[in-house]
């Protein structure tokens, strides 16, 4: 008995250790599993959204507020194919703030890299916001304490109810793995439907008809008010440029055409009395462009 008992005890102890090991492996393997890191992106949602219940692999969504979410949508895509969309409306408008976040991307091997996507809008409401980060963990709240997102100004115009192509230069962020996030917002009185399709990365700028080819840095100086918006921008070459100011509905409030030399320039937009609100500034021509948001207080 003195020999058998320790032997039996060692068997029970071994089994206990074995099951604990298996349980720990299952628990931590699932809770801490990391998404694969992609070195490029080419998602048209045709396969991943082939069914209404589908969702693209390794993409993430998170509702900050509200119960609505990004969903696969049939027949509404770029070529009447599946796409992904967000709609706040059930039998009434809902207050929703919901993120759609790409897979984790390691783009460090490229000298230049661009993020491309198509979008379409339906019904009045806030425009999308687009952000990039190197700090998101891949799941959970994108606004976690350690997550810092940089907003990328995209010239969304609410009157654009047909598909538009947009392109973001991710080169400044490529030294570390990154995520791109789309943030949708609505209220109990208004909300839009946004469709997104054909999301992909390229090493060169797109030559698509809806895109210009380079970027002009545009900065809003100081705090805009009703008397005007003070702008600073750097023109890459001398030439003729168009400067437009839009309100949130896409209405052009100011349109200027001027010829300026290359280099740092400043312009004050004070042709109209601007009420409080958000405005979009576009500066460019057929080859170069730049955008900036201005919040008039």
C-alpha atoms as a PDB file:
ATOM      1  CA  UNK A   1       0.000   0.000   0.000  1.00  0.00           C
ATOM      2  CA  UNK A   2       2.835   2.309   0.731  1.00  0.00           C
ATOM      3  CA  UNK A   3       4.122   1.713  -2.777  1.00  0.00           C
ATOM      4  CA  UNK A   4       0.818   1.852  -4.638  1.00  0.00           C
ATOM      5  CA  UNK A   5      -0.581   5.041  -3.114  1.00  0.00           C
ATOM      6  CA  UNK A   6       2.218   7.345  -4.282  1.00  0.00           C
ATOM      7  CA  UNK A   7       1.946   5.718  -7.735  1.00  0.00           C
ATOM      8  CA  UNK A   8      -1.815   6.312  -7.893  1.00  0.00           C
ATOM      9  CA  UNK A   9      -1.326   9.856  -6.611  1.00  0.00           C
ATOM     10  CA  UNK A  10       1.255  10.539  -9.268  1.00  0.00           C
ATOM     11  CA  UNK A  11      -1.171   9.319 -11.943  1.00  0.00           C
ATOM     12  CA  UNK A  12      -3.942  11.588 -10.661  1.00  0.00           C
ATOM     13  CA  UNK A  13      -1.534  14.480 -10.376  1.00  0.00           C
ATOM     14  CA  UNK A  14      -0.294  13.844 -13.893  1.00  0.00           C
ATOM     15  CA  UNK A  15      -3.825  13.731 -15.296  1.00  0.00           C
ATOM     16  CA  UNK A  16      -4.701  16.914 -13.444  1.00  0.00           C
ATOM     17  CA  UNK A  17      -1.627  18.637 -14.843  1.00  0.00           C
ATOM     18  CA  UNK A  18      -2.445  17.303 -18.307  1.00  0.00           C
ATOM     19  CA  UNK A  19      -6.017  18.601 -18.266  1.00  0.00           C
ATOM     20  CA  UNK A  20      -4.915  21.927 -16.820  1.00  0.00           C
ATOM     21  CA  UNK A  21      -2.349  22.229 -19.590  1.00  0.00           C
ATOM     22  CA  UNK A  22      -4.943  21.458 -22.264  1.00  0.00           C
ATOM     23  CA  UNK A  23      -7.407  23.923 -20.699  1.00  0.00           C
ATOM     24  CA  UNK A  24      -4.751  26.627 -20.479  1.00  0.00           C
ATOM     25  CA  UNK A  25      -3.742  26.045 -24.074  1.00  0.00           C
ATOM     26  CA  UNK A  26      -7.364  26.332 -25.201  1.00  0.00           C
ATOM     27  CA  UNK A  27      -8.054  29.390 -23.067  1.00  0.00           C
ATOM     28  CA  UNK A  28      -4.970  31.412 -23.838  1.00  0.00           C
ATOM     29  CA  UNK A  29      -4.685  30.182 -27.381  1.00  0.00           C
ATOM     30  CA  UNK A  30      -8.148  31.528 -28.145  1.00  0.00           C
ATOM     31  CA  UNK A  31      -8.135  34.653 -26.013  1.00  0.00           C
ATOM     32  CA  UNK A  32      -4.749  35.829 -27.187  1.00  0.00           C
ATOM     33  CA  UNK A  33      -4.733  34.552 -30.735  1.00  0.00           C
ATOM     34  CA  UNK A  34      -3.416  37.221 -33.064  1.00  0.00           C
ATOM     35  CA  UNK A  35      -4.793  37.983 -36.501  1.00  0.00           C
ATOM     36  CA  UNK A  36      -2.411  37.308 -39.380  1.00  0.00           C
ATOM     37  CA  UNK A  37      -0.457  40.313 -40.602  1.00  0.00           C
ATOM     38  CA  UNK A  38      -1.122  40.989 -44.280  1.00  0.00           C
ATOM     39  CA  UNK A  39       1.511  42.537 -46.545  1.00  0.00           C
ATOM     40  CA  UNK A  40      -1.114  43.758 -49.018  1.00  0.00           C
ATOM     41  CA  UNK A  41      -4.876  44.098 -49.229  1.00  0.00           C
ATOM     42  CA  UNK A  42      -7.254  43.225 -52.050  1.00  0.00           C
ATOM     43  CA  UNK A  43     -10.820  42.853 -50.772  1.00  0.00           C
ATOM     44  CA  UNK A  44     -13.793  43.231 -53.102  1.00  0.00           C
ATOM     45  CA  UNK A  45     -16.217  41.430 -50.707  1.00  0.00           C
ATOM     46  CA  UNK A  46     -17.517  39.176 -53.499  1.00  0.00           C
ATOM     47  CA  UNK A  47     -16.515  35.991 -51.663  1.00  0.00           C
ATOM     48  CA  UNK A  48     -16.438  37.141 -48.031  1.00  0.00           C
ATOM     49  CA  UNK A  49     -19.890  38.750 -48.375  1.00  0.00           C
ATOM     50  CA  UNK A  50     -21.429  36.127 -50.641  1.00  0.00           C
ATOM     51  CA  UNK A  51     -24.048  35.529 -47.948  1.00  0.00           C
ATOM     52  CA  UNK A  52     -25.866  38.091 -45.825  1.00  0.00           C
ATOM     53  CA  UNK A  53     -24.495  36.453 -42.669  1.00  0.00           C
ATOM     54  CA  UNK A  54     -20.898  36.611 -43.935  1.00  0.00           C
ATOM     55  CA  UNK A  55     -18.188  39.061 -42.934  1.00  0.00           C
ATOM     56  CA  UNK A  56     -14.713  39.640 -44.418  1.00  0.00           C
ATOM     57  CA  UNK A  57     -11.926  37.661 -42.764  1.00  0.00           C
ATOM     58  CA  UNK A  58      -9.793  39.501 -40.196  1.00  0.00           C
ATOM     59  CA  UNK A  59     -11.793  42.726 -40.500  1.00  0.00           C
ATOM     60  CA  UNK A  60     -13.201  44.123 -37.249  1.00  0.00           C
ATOM     61  CA  UNK A  61     -16.187  46.199 -36.276  1.00  0.00           C
ATOM     62  CA  UNK A  62     -16.976  47.806 -32.948  1.00  0.00           C
ATOM     63  CA  UNK A  63     -20.023  49.812 -31.840  1.00  0.00           C
ATOM     64  CA  UNK A  64     -19.089  52.722 -29.586  1.00  0.00           C
ATOM     65  CA  UNK A  65     -22.771  53.650 -29.337  1.00  0.00           C
ATOM     66  CA  UNK A  66     -25.956  52.141 -30.722  1.00  0.00           C
ATOM     67  CA  UNK A  67     -26.984  48.687 -31.844  1.00  0.00           C
ATOM     68  CA  UNK A  68     -26.504  48.876 -35.620  1.00  0.00           C
ATOM     69  CA  UNK A  69     -23.420  47.412 -37.270  1.00  0.00           C
ATOM     70  CA  UNK A  70     -21.554  47.134 -40.555  1.00  0.00           C
ATOM     71  CA  UNK A  71     -23.069  44.336 -42.628  1.00  0.00           C
ATOM     72  CA  UNK A  72     -22.524  42.473 -45.869  1.00  0.00           C
ATOM     73  CA  UNK A  73     -24.991  43.777 -48.441  1.00  0.00           C
ATOM     74  CA  UNK A  74     -26.047  41.944 -51.568  1.00  0.00           C
ATOM     75  CA  UNK A  75     -26.223  43.522 -55.026  1.00  0.00           C
ATOM     76  CA  UNK A  76     -25.294  47.054 -53.916  1.00  0.00           C
ATOM     77  CA  UNK A  77     -21.582  46.914 -54.721  1.00  0.00           C
ATOM     78  CA  UNK A  78     -19.484  48.601 -57.375  1.00  0.00           C
ATOM     79  CA  UNK A  79     -20.602  46.164 -60.080  1.00  0.00           C
ATOM     80  CA  UNK A  80     -23.937  45.180 -58.501  1.00  0.00           C
ATOM     81  CA  UNK A  81     -21.938  42.681 -56.464  1.00  0.00           C
ATOM     82  CA  UNK A  82     -21.717  42.304 -52.664  1.00  0.00           C
ATOM     83  CA  UNK A  83     -20.206  45.104 -50.623  1.00  0.00           C
ATOM     84  CA  UNK A  84     -20.201  46.157 -46.977  1.00  0.00           C
ATOM     85  CA  UNK A  85     -22.480  48.897 -45.664  1.00  0.00           C
ATOM     86  CA  UNK A  86     -23.724  50.713 -42.596  1.00  0.00           C
ATOM     87  CA  UNK A  87     -27.298  51.960 -42.129  1.00  0.00           C
ATOM     88  CA  UNK A  88     -28.603  53.448 -38.875  1.00  0.00           C
ATOM     89  CA  UNK A  89     -32.276  53.357 -39.855  1.00  0.00           C
ATOM     90  CA  UNK A  90     -34.647  50.659 -38.603  1.00  0.00           C
ATOM     91  CA  UNK A  91     -38.140  52.103 -38.239  1.00  0.00           C
ATOM     92  CA  UNK A  92     -36.522  55.363 -37.140  1.00  0.00           C
ATOM     93  CA  UNK A  93     -33.100  56.989 -37.060  1.00  0.00           C
ATOM     94  CA  UNK A  94     -30.767  55.718 -34.339  1.00  0.00           C
ATOM     95  CA  UNK A  95     -27.786  57.304 -32.606  1.00  0.00           C
ATOM     96  CA  UNK A  96     -24.910  55.066 -33.739  1.00  0.00           C
ATOM     97  CA  UNK A  97     -21.143  55.397 -33.697  1.00  0.00           C
ATOM     98  CA  UNK A  98     -19.634  52.316 -35.302  1.00  0.00           C
ATOM     99  CA  UNK A  99     -16.145  51.482 -36.564  1.00  0.00           C
ATOM    100  CA  UNK A 100     -15.098  49.225 -39.442  1.00  0.00           C
ATOM    101  CA  UNK A 101     -11.395  48.336 -39.242  1.00  0.00           C
ATOM    102  CA  UNK A 102      -9.176  46.621 -41.800  1.00  0.00           C
ATOM    103  CA  UNK A 103      -6.944  43.622 -41.112  1.00  0.00           C
ATOM    104  CA  UNK A 104      -3.513  44.338 -39.679  1.00  0.00           C
ATOM    105  CA  UNK A 105      -1.175  45.471 -42.462  1.00  0.00           C
ATOM    106  CA  UNK A 106       2.632  45.293 -42.574  1.00  0.00           C
ATOM    107  CA  UNK A 107       3.589  47.562 -45.480  1.00  0.00           C
ATOM    108  CA  UNK A 108       7.166  48.272 -44.386  1.00  0.00           C
ATOM    109  CA  UNK A 109       8.749  46.600 -47.418  1.00  0.00           C
ATOM    110  CA  UNK A 110       7.340  49.190 -49.836  1.00  0.00           C
ATOM    111  CA  UNK A 111       9.031  52.489 -50.632  1.00  0.00           C
ATOM    112  CA  UNK A 112       5.612  54.038 -51.342  1.00  0.00           C
ATOM    113  CA  UNK A 113       2.233  52.480 -50.564  1.00  0.00           C
ATOM    114  CA  UNK A 114      -1.332  53.666 -51.071  1.00  0.00           C
ATOM    115  CA  UNK A 115      -4.695  52.559 -49.668  1.00  0.00           C
ATOM    116  CA  UNK A 116      -7.561  52.645 -52.161  1.00  0.00           C
ATOM    117  CA  UNK A 117     -11.299  52.182 -51.709  1.00  0.00           C
ATOM    118  CA  UNK A 118     -14.625  52.988 -53.345  1.00  0.00           C
ATOM    119  CA  UNK A 119     -17.581  54.450 -51.470  1.00  0.00           C
ATOM    120  CA  UNK A 120     -21.165  55.474 -52.177  1.00  0.00           C
ATOM    121  CA  UNK A 121     -23.566  57.493 -50.059  1.00  0.00           C
ATOM    122  CA  UNK A 122     -27.329  57.444 -49.681  1.00  0.00           C
ATOM    123  CA  UNK A 123     -29.582  59.669 -47.543  1.00  0.00           C
ATOM    124  CA  UNK A 124     -28.569  62.783 -45.601  1.00  0.00           C
ATOM    125  CA  UNK A 125     -26.398  62.465 -42.511  1.00  0.00           C
ATOM    126  CA  UNK A 126     -22.818  62.786 -41.292  1.00  0.00           C
ATOM    127  CA  UNK A 127     -19.974  61.833 -43.615  1.00  0.00           C
ATOM    128  CA  UNK A 128     -17.552  59.035 -42.761  1.00  0.00           C
ATOM    129  CA  UNK A 129     -14.325  59.684 -40.885  1.00  0.00           C
ATOM    130  CA  UNK A 130     -11.201  57.737 -41.856  1.00  0.00           C
ATOM    131  CA  UNK A 131      -8.277  57.081 -39.509  1.00  0.00           C
ATOM    132  CA  UNK A 132      -4.981  55.191 -39.396  1.00  0.00           C
ATOM    133  CA  UNK A 133      -3.085  53.831 -36.380  1.00  0.00           C
ATOM    134  CA  UNK A 134      -0.066  51.719 -35.463  1.00  0.00           C
ATOM    135  CA  UNK A 135      -1.419  51.036 -31.979  1.00  0.00           C
ATOM    136  CA  UNK A 136      -4.704  49.146 -32.239  1.00  0.00           C
ATOM    137  CA  UNK A 137      -4.613  45.642 -30.795  1.00  0.00           C
ATOM    138  CA  UNK A 138      -6.782  44.018 -33.444  1.00  0.00           C
ATOM    139  CA  UNK A 139     -10.014  43.622 -31.463  1.00  0.00           C
ATOM    140  CA  UNK A 140     -12.153  45.465 -28.954  1.00  0.00           C
ATOM    141  CA  UNK A 141     -12.693  49.187 -28.532  1.00  0.00           C
ATOM    142  CA  UNK A 142     -10.630  51.195 -31.038  1.00  0.00           C
ATOM    143  CA  UNK A 143     -10.705  54.102 -28.576  1.00  0.00           C
ATOM    144  CA  UNK A 144      -8.767  52.203 -25.882  1.00  0.00           C
ATOM    145  CA  UNK A 145      -6.427  54.256 -23.707  1.00  0.00           C
ATOM    146  CA  UNK A 146      -3.342  53.133 -25.623  1.00  0.00           C
ATOM    147  CA  UNK A 147      -4.870  53.663 -29.095  1.00  0.00           C
ATOM    148  CA  UNK A 148      -4.094  56.881 -30.926  1.00  0.00           C
ATOM    149  CA  UNK A 149      -5.675  57.355 -34.366  1.00  0.00           C
ATOM    150  CA  UNK A 150      -4.619  59.919 -36.976  1.00  0.00           C
ATOM    151  CA  UNK A 151      -7.493  61.302 -39.044  1.00  0.00           C
ATOM    152  CA  UNK A 152      -7.043  61.263 -42.812  1.00  0.00           C
ATOM    153  CA  UNK A 153      -9.058  64.006 -44.487  1.00  0.00           C
ATOM    154  CA  UNK A 154     -11.097  62.491 -47.327  1.00  0.00           C
ATOM    155  CA  UNK A 155     -13.156  64.704 -49.648  1.00  0.00           C
ATOM    156  CA  UNK A 156     -16.469  63.000 -48.940  1.00  0.00           C
ATOM    157  CA  UNK A 157     -19.277  65.085 -50.350  1.00  0.00           C
ATOM    158  CA  UNK A 158     -22.784  64.159 -49.293  1.00  0.00           C
ATOM    159  CA  UNK A 159     -24.151  64.875 -52.744  1.00  0.00           C
ATOM    160  CA  UNK A 160     -21.977  62.030 -54.122  1.00  0.00           C
ATOM    161  CA  UNK A 161     -24.570  59.288 -54.541  1.00  0.00           C
ATOM    162  CA  UNK A 162     -22.541  57.408 -57.153  1.00  0.00           C
ATOM    163  CA  UNK A 163     -19.412  55.341 -56.560  1.00  0.00           C
ATOM    164  CA  UNK A 164     -16.256  57.398 -55.968  1.00  0.00           C
ATOM    165  CA  UNK A 165     -12.677  56.190 -55.661  1.00  0.00           C
ATOM    166  CA  UNK A 166     -10.450  57.536 -52.891  1.00  0.00           C
ATOM    167  CA  UNK A 167      -6.766  57.028 -52.216  1.00  0.00           C
ATOM    168  CA  UNK A 168      -4.702  57.503 -49.049  1.00  0.00           C
ATOM    169  CA  UNK A 169      -0.916  57.722 -48.916  1.00  0.00           C
ATOM    170  CA  UNK A 170       0.077  55.314 -46.116  1.00  0.00           C
ATOM    171  CA  UNK A 171       3.815  55.801 -46.643  1.00  0.00           C
ATOM    172  CA  UNK A 172       4.220  58.028 -43.521  1.00  0.00           C
ATOM    173  CA  UNK A 173       2.747  55.250 -41.327  1.00  0.00           C
ATOM    174  CA  UNK A 174       4.348  52.126 -42.836  1.00  0.00           C
ATOM    175  CA  UNK A 175       7.343  51.761 -40.487  1.00  0.00           C
ATOM    176  CA  UNK A 176       5.129  49.723 -38.106  1.00  0.00           C
ATOM    177  CA  UNK A 177       2.138  47.432 -38.742  1.00  0.00           C
ATOM    178  CA  UNK A 178      -1.025  49.497 -39.081  1.00  0.00           C
ATOM    179  CA  UNK A 179      -4.814  49.494 -39.322  1.00  0.00           C
ATOM    180  CA  UNK A 180      -7.156  51.756 -41.272  1.00  0.00           C
ATOM    181  CA  UNK A 181     -10.520  52.515 -39.649  1.00  0.00           C
ATOM    182  CA  UNK A 182     -13.810  53.895 -41.005  1.00  0.00           C
ATOM    183  CA  UNK A 183     -15.980  55.612 -38.374  1.00  0.00           C
ATOM    184  CA  UNK A 184     -19.715  56.013 -39.023  1.00  0.00           C
ATOM    185  CA  UNK A 185     -21.883  58.402 -36.981  1.00  0.00           C
ATOM    186  CA  UNK A 186     -25.626  59.106 -36.903  1.00  0.00           C
ATOM    187  CA  UNK A 187     -28.176  60.693 -34.593  1.00  0.00           C
ATOM    188  CA  UNK A 188     -31.824  60.186 -33.691  1.00  0.00           C
ATOM    189  CA  UNK A 189     -32.776  62.773 -36.333  1.00  0.00           C
ATOM    190  CA  UNK A 190     -30.478  61.962 -39.270  1.00  0.00           C
ATOM    191  CA  UNK A 191     -28.277  59.199 -40.572  1.00  0.00           C
ATOM    192  CA  UNK A 192     -26.871  58.152 -43.913  1.00  0.00           C
ATOM    193  CA  UNK A 193     -26.217  54.827 -45.604  1.00  0.00           C
ATOM    194  CA  UNK A 194     -22.578  54.286 -46.572  1.00  0.00           C
ATOM    195  CA  UNK A 195     -21.395  51.551 -48.901  1.00  0.00           C
ATOM    196  CA  UNK A 196     -17.744  50.508 -49.186  1.00  0.00           C
ATOM    197  CA  UNK A 197     -16.304  48.255 -51.875  1.00  0.00           C
ATOM    198  CA  UNK A 198     -13.042  47.270 -53.567  1.00  0.00           C
ATOM    199  CA  UNK A 199     -10.488  48.032 -50.838  1.00  0.00           C
ATOM    200  CA  UNK A 200      -6.908  47.452 -51.969  1.00  0.00           C
ATOM    201  CA  UNK A 201      -3.314  48.643 -51.655  1.00  0.00           C
ATOM    202  CA  UNK A 202      -1.044  49.748 -54.500  1.00  0.00           C
ATOM    203  CA  UNK A 203       2.569  50.819 -54.807  1.00  0.00           C
ATOM    204  CA  UNK A 204       1.695  53.605 -57.205  1.00  0.00           C
ATOM    205  CA  UNK A 205      -0.917  56.324 -57.380  1.00  0.00           C
ATOM    206  CA  UNK A 206      -4.097  55.321 -59.138  1.00  0.00           C
ATOM    207  CA  UNK A 207      -4.759  56.720 -62.577  1.00  0.00           C
ATOM    208  CA  UNK A 208      -8.514  56.430 -62.084  1.00  0.00           C
ATOM    209  CA  UNK A 209     -10.732  59.207 -63.456  1.00  0.00           C
ATOM    210  CA  UNK A 210     -11.839  60.281 -59.982  1.00  0.00           C
ATOM    211  CA  UNK A 211      -8.322  60.763 -58.629  1.00  0.00           C
ATOM    212  CA  UNK A 212      -5.631  63.352 -58.954  1.00  0.00           C
ATOM    213  CA  UNK A 213      -2.027  62.351 -58.689  1.00  0.00           C
ATOM    214  CA  UNK A 214      -0.245  64.072 -55.818  1.00  0.00           C
ATOM    215  CA  UNK A 215      -0.812  65.860 -52.552  1.00  0.00           C
ATOM    216  CA  UNK A 216      -0.704  69.520 -51.496  1.00  0.00           C
ATOM    217  CA  UNK A 217      -0.340  70.084 -47.729  1.00  0.00           C
ATOM    218  CA  UNK A 218      -3.145  72.428 -46.611  1.00  0.00           C
ATOM    219  CA  UNK A 219      -3.262  73.782 -43.046  1.00  0.00           C
ATOM    220  CA  UNK A 220      -5.937  75.865 -41.320  1.00  0.00           C
ATOM    221  CA  UNK A 221      -4.204  78.563 -39.283  1.00  0.00           C
ATOM    222  CA  UNK A 222      -5.664  79.601 -35.960  1.00  0.00           C
ATOM    223  CA  UNK A 223      -9.308  79.082 -35.009  1.00  0.00           C
ATOM    224  CA  UNK A 224     -11.725  79.782 -37.879  1.00  0.00           C
ATOM    225  CA  UNK A 225     -14.657  82.061 -37.155  1.00  0.00           C
ATOM    226  CA  UNK A 226     -17.496  83.645 -39.055  1.00  0.00           C
ATOM    227  CA  UNK A 227     -15.190  86.317 -40.479  1.00  0.00           C
ATOM    228  CA  UNK A 228     -13.043  83.866 -42.412  1.00  0.00           C
ATOM    229  CA  UNK A 229     -10.708  80.887 -42.632  1.00  0.00           C
ATOM    230  CA  UNK A 230      -6.967  81.479 -42.875  1.00  0.00           C
ATOM    231  CA  UNK A 231      -5.111  78.861 -44.941  1.00  0.00           C
ATOM    232  CA  UNK A 232      -1.470  77.995 -45.473  1.00  0.00           C
ATOM    233  CA  UNK A 233      -0.402  75.575 -48.230  1.00  0.00           C
ATOM    234  CA  UNK A 234       2.687  74.547 -50.145  1.00  0.00           C
ATOM    235  CA  UNK A 235       2.401  74.443 -53.927  1.00  0.00           C
ATOM    236  CA  UNK A 236       4.751  71.938 -55.613  1.00  0.00           C
ATOM    237  CA  UNK A 237       4.934  73.857 -58.885  1.00  0.00           C
ATOM    238  CA  UNK A 238       3.817  77.205 -60.205  1.00  0.00           C
ATOM    239  CA  UNK A 239       0.455  77.099 -61.926  1.00  0.00           C
ATOM    240  CA  UNK A 240      -3.268  77.754 -61.858  1.00  0.00           C
ATOM    241  CA  UNK A 241      -5.235  76.285 -58.944  1.00  0.00           C
ATOM    242  CA  UNK A 242      -8.883  76.121 -57.889  1.00  0.00           C
ATOM    243  CA  UNK A 243      -9.759  76.760 -54.232  1.00  0.00           C
ATOM    244  CA  UNK A 244     -13.262  75.719 -53.098  1.00  0.00           C
ATOM    245  CA  UNK A 245     -14.994  75.856 -49.730  1.00  0.00           C
ATOM    246  CA  UNK A 246     -17.858  73.353 -49.170  1.00  0.00           C
ATOM    247  CA  UNK A 247     -20.411  73.056 -46.396  1.00  0.00           C
ATOM    248  CA  UNK A 248     -21.414  69.615 -45.082  1.00  0.00           C
ATOM    249  CA  UNK A 249     -24.083  69.194 -47.752  1.00  0.00           C
ATOM    250  CA  UNK A 250     -21.526  69.582 -50.533  1.00  0.00           C
ATOM    251  CA  UNK A 251     -22.684  73.082 -51.499  1.00  0.00           C
ATOM    252  CA  UNK A 252     -19.879  75.314 -52.822  1.00  0.00           C
ATOM    253  CA  UNK A 253     -19.763  78.507 -50.747  1.00  0.00           C
ATOM    254  CA  UNK A 254     -16.553  79.998 -52.127  1.00  0.00           C
ATOM    255  CA  UNK A 255     -14.779  79.275 -55.418  1.00  0.00           C
ATOM    256  CA  UNK A 256     -11.514  80.985 -56.327  1.00  0.00           C
ATOM    257  CA  UNK A 257      -9.155  80.456 -59.249  1.00  0.00           C
ATOM    258  CA  UNK A 258      -5.644  81.891 -59.039  1.00  0.00           C
ATOM    259  CA  UNK A 259      -2.153  81.525 -60.456  1.00  0.00           C
ATOM    260  CA  UNK A 260       0.659  81.356 -57.913  1.00  0.00           C
ATOM    261  CA  UNK A 261       4.351  80.438 -57.811  1.00  0.00           C
ATOM    262  CA  UNK A 262       5.658  77.299 -56.151  1.00  0.00           C
ATOM    263  CA  UNK A 263       6.283  77.324 -52.409  1.00  0.00           C
ATOM    264  CA  UNK A 264       4.481  78.301 -49.222  1.00  0.00           C
ATOM    265  CA  UNK A 265       1.418  80.495 -49.748  1.00  0.00           C
ATOM    266  CA  UNK A 266      -1.350  81.928 -47.557  1.00  0.00           C
ATOM    267  CA  UNK A 267      -4.956  82.789 -48.411  1.00  0.00           C
ATOM    268  CA  UNK A 268      -7.833  84.127 -46.336  1.00  0.00           C
ATOM    269  CA  UNK A 269     -11.335  82.904 -47.215  1.00  0.00           C
ATOM    270  CA  UNK A 270     -13.537  85.765 -46.071  1.00  0.00           C
ATOM    271  CA  UNK A 271     -15.969  86.200 -48.958  1.00  0.00           C
ATOM    272  CA  UNK A 272     -18.995  85.012 -46.971  1.00  0.00           C
ATOM    273  CA  UNK A 273     -20.235  85.229 -43.393  1.00  0.00           C
ATOM    274  CA  UNK A 274     -19.855  81.638 -42.180  1.00  0.00           C
ATOM    275  CA  UNK A 275     -22.166  80.237 -39.493  1.00  0.00           C
ATOM    276  CA  UNK A 276     -20.797  77.782 -36.954  1.00  0.00           C
ATOM    277  CA  UNK A 277     -20.185  74.326 -38.368  1.00  0.00           C
ATOM    278  CA  UNK A 278     -17.808  72.043 -40.259  1.00  0.00           C
ATOM    279  CA  UNK A 279     -16.450  72.952 -43.699  1.00  0.00           C
ATOM    280  CA  UNK A 280     -14.216  71.296 -46.253  1.00  0.00           C
ATOM    281  CA  UNK A 281     -11.501  73.138 -48.178  1.00  0.00           C
ATOM    282  CA  UNK A 282     -10.264  71.743 -51.471  1.00  0.00           C
ATOM    283  CA  UNK A 283      -7.229  73.141 -53.280  1.00  0.00           C
ATOM    284  CA  UNK A 284      -5.966  71.663 -56.518  1.00  0.00           C
ATOM    285  CA  UNK A 285      -5.960  71.256 -60.253  1.00  0.00           C
ATOM    286  CA  UNK A 286      -5.850  68.311 -62.646  1.00  0.00           C
ATOM    287  CA  UNK A 287      -2.519  67.081 -61.274  1.00  0.00           C
ATOM    288  CA  UNK A 288      -2.229  68.165 -57.638  1.00  0.00           C
ATOM    289  CA  UNK A 289      -4.665  68.360 -54.747  1.00  0.00           C
ATOM    290  CA  UNK A 290      -5.047  69.008 -51.036  1.00  0.00           C
ATOM    291  CA  UNK A 291      -7.894  68.991 -48.507  1.00  0.00           C
ATOM    292  CA  UNK A 292      -8.458  70.351 -45.024  1.00  0.00           C
ATOM    293  CA  UNK A 293     -11.362  70.430 -42.565  1.00  0.00           C
ATOM    294  CA  UNK A 294     -12.247  73.687 -40.865  1.00  0.00           C
ATOM    295  CA  UNK A 295     -14.521  73.913 -37.826  1.00  0.00           C
ATOM    296  CA  UNK A 296     -15.918  77.440 -37.572  1.00  0.00           C
ATOM    297  CA  UNK A 297     -16.664  78.401 -33.968  1.00  0.00           C
END
